[in-house]
Amino acid sequence: MVTVGLFIRVEARPDKADEVEERFKDVVEIVRKEGKAVVWFALRLGPTTFAIYDAFADDADRRAHLEANLPALRAAGADLFAEPPTIEHIDVVASLIPGP
């Protein structure tokens, strides 16, 4: 069951959009190994607009995930992003996730 999540919106520099997409594809394995996110999605919302949506069982897992990954996101942003990412803490009110 998931109760909380994150919605992180990223605006890539126009000449770096493809690189942002590739970086997000590479991050999947890092998040999988970390084991905190129940679901994790990297989304392309437009030519240079991206988002990450992930959900967690509880706030402790969400905090641990942010603490482990936010520094890398900010470091990548210096070269790839047109502006700092926006990070929204969200509450999950309902979900449909395939289970075992």
Protein backbone atom coordinates (compact mmCIF):
# COMPACT_ATOMS: atom_id res chain seq x y z
CA MET A 1 0.00 0.00 0.00
CA VAL A 2 1.23 3.48 -0.80
CA THR A 3 0.35 6.52 1.26
CA VAL A 4 2.69 9.29 0.12
CA GLY A 5 4.60 10.33 -2.95
CA LEU A 6 6.71 12.90 -4.71
CA PHE A 7 6.08 14.81 -7.90
CA ILE A 8 9.28 16.42 -9.15
CA ARG A 9 9.04 18.69 -12.18
CA VAL A 10 12.16 19.45 -14.21
CA GLU A 11 12.68 21.90 -17.05
CA ALA A 12 15.66 20.86 -19.18
CA ARG A 13 17.87 23.27 -21.04
CA PRO A 14 16.70 23.04 -24.66
CA ASP A 15 19.99 21.55 -25.86
CA LYS A 16 20.05 19.02 -22.98
CA ALA A 17 16.56 17.49 -23.18
CA ASP A 18 17.71 14.22 -24.73
CA GLU A 19 20.45 13.92 -22.12
CA VAL A 20 17.93 14.44 -19.31
CA GLU A 21 15.79 11.66 -20.77
CA GLU A 22 18.78 9.29 -20.89
CA ARG A 23 19.81 10.15 -17.32
CA PHE A 24 16.31 9.39 -16.07
CA LYS A 25 16.39 6.04 -17.85
CA ASP A 26 19.68 5.26 -16.09
CA VAL A 27 18.25 6.14 -12.67
CA VAL A 28 15.71 3.29 -12.73
CA GLU A 29 18.27 0.76 -11.50
CA ILE A 30 19.46 3.03 -8.69
CA VAL A 31 15.90 3.47 -7.41
CA ARG A 32 15.21 -0.26 -7.76
CA LYS A 33 18.29 -1.15 -5.69
CA GLU A 34 17.43 1.45 -3.06
CA GLY A 35 14.13 -0.33 -2.46
CA LYS A 36 12.17 2.56 -0.94
CA ALA A 37 9.82 3.47 -3.82
CA VAL A 38 6.83 1.22 -4.43
CA VAL A 39 6.43 2.77 -7.89
CA TRP A 40 8.67 5.15 -9.81
CA PHE A 41 8.05 6.86 -13.13
CA ALA A 42 10.12 9.27 -15.19
CA LEU A 43 7.81 11.23 -17.48
CA ARG A 44 8.30 13.49 -20.47
CA LEU A 45 5.56 16.12 -20.41
CA GLY A 46 6.78 18.19 -23.37
CA PRO A 47 9.86 18.90 -25.46
CA THR A 48 11.91 20.09 -22.47
CA THR A 49 9.61 19.38 -19.52
CA PHE A 50 10.05 16.23 -17.46
CA ALA A 51 8.71 14.89 -14.18
CA ILE A 52 9.39 12.11 -11.75
CA TYR A 53 6.50 10.56 -9.88
CA ASP A 54 7.23 8.06 -7.15
CA ALA A 55 5.18 6.69 -4.29
CA PHE A 56 6.11 5.17 -0.96
CA ALA A 57 4.56 3.11 1.80
CA ASP A 58 5.20 5.83 4.36
CA ASP A 59 6.84 9.17 5.01
CA ALA A 60 9.99 7.58 6.44
CA ASP A 61 10.69 5.86 3.11
CA ARG A 62 9.96 9.07 1.23
CA ARG A 63 12.37 11.04 3.42
CA ALA A 64 15.07 8.37 3.09
CA HIS A 65 14.67 8.38 -0.70
CA LEU A 66 14.96 12.16 -0.89
CA GLU A 67 18.00 12.25 1.38
CA ALA A 68 19.73 9.61 -0.73
CA ASN A 69 18.90 11.06 -4.16
CA LEU A 70 18.30 14.79 -3.92
CA PRO A 71 22.00 15.73 -3.92
CA ALA A 72 22.55 13.87 -7.21
CA LEU A 73 19.47 15.48 -8.77
CA ARG A 74 20.67 18.93 -7.78
CA ALA A 75 24.20 18.23 -9.02
CA ALA A 76 22.89 17.08 -12.41
CA GLY A 77 20.68 20.12 -12.54
CA ALA A 78 23.57 22.53 -12.64
CA ASP A 79 24.41 21.34 -16.16
CA LEU A 80 21.11 19.97 -17.46
CA PHE A 81 18.24 22.01 -16.05
CA ALA A 82 17.04 25.49 -17.03
CA GLU A 83 15.90 26.09 -13.44
CA PRO A 84 15.92 24.18 -10.14
CA PRO A 85 13.47 21.26 -9.98
CA THR A 86 10.20 21.77 -8.14
CA ILE A 87 9.51 19.10 -5.54
CA GLU A 88 5.98 18.48 -4.31
CA HIS A 89 5.20 16.16 -1.40
CA ILE A 90 1.87 14.51 -2.10
CA ASP A 91 -0.55 12.25 -0.26
CA VAL A 92 -1.90 9.25 -2.14
CA VAL A 93 -5.64 8.95 -1.60
CA ALA A 94 -6.17 5.87 -3.81
CA SER A 95 -4.04 3.60 -5.97
CA LEU A 96 -4.19 0.59 -8.23
CA ILE A 97 -0.88 -1.25 -8.26
CA PRO A 98 -0.46 -4.85 -9.41
CA GLY A 99 0.55 -7.06 -6.54
CA PRO A 100 1.83 -10.55 -6.02
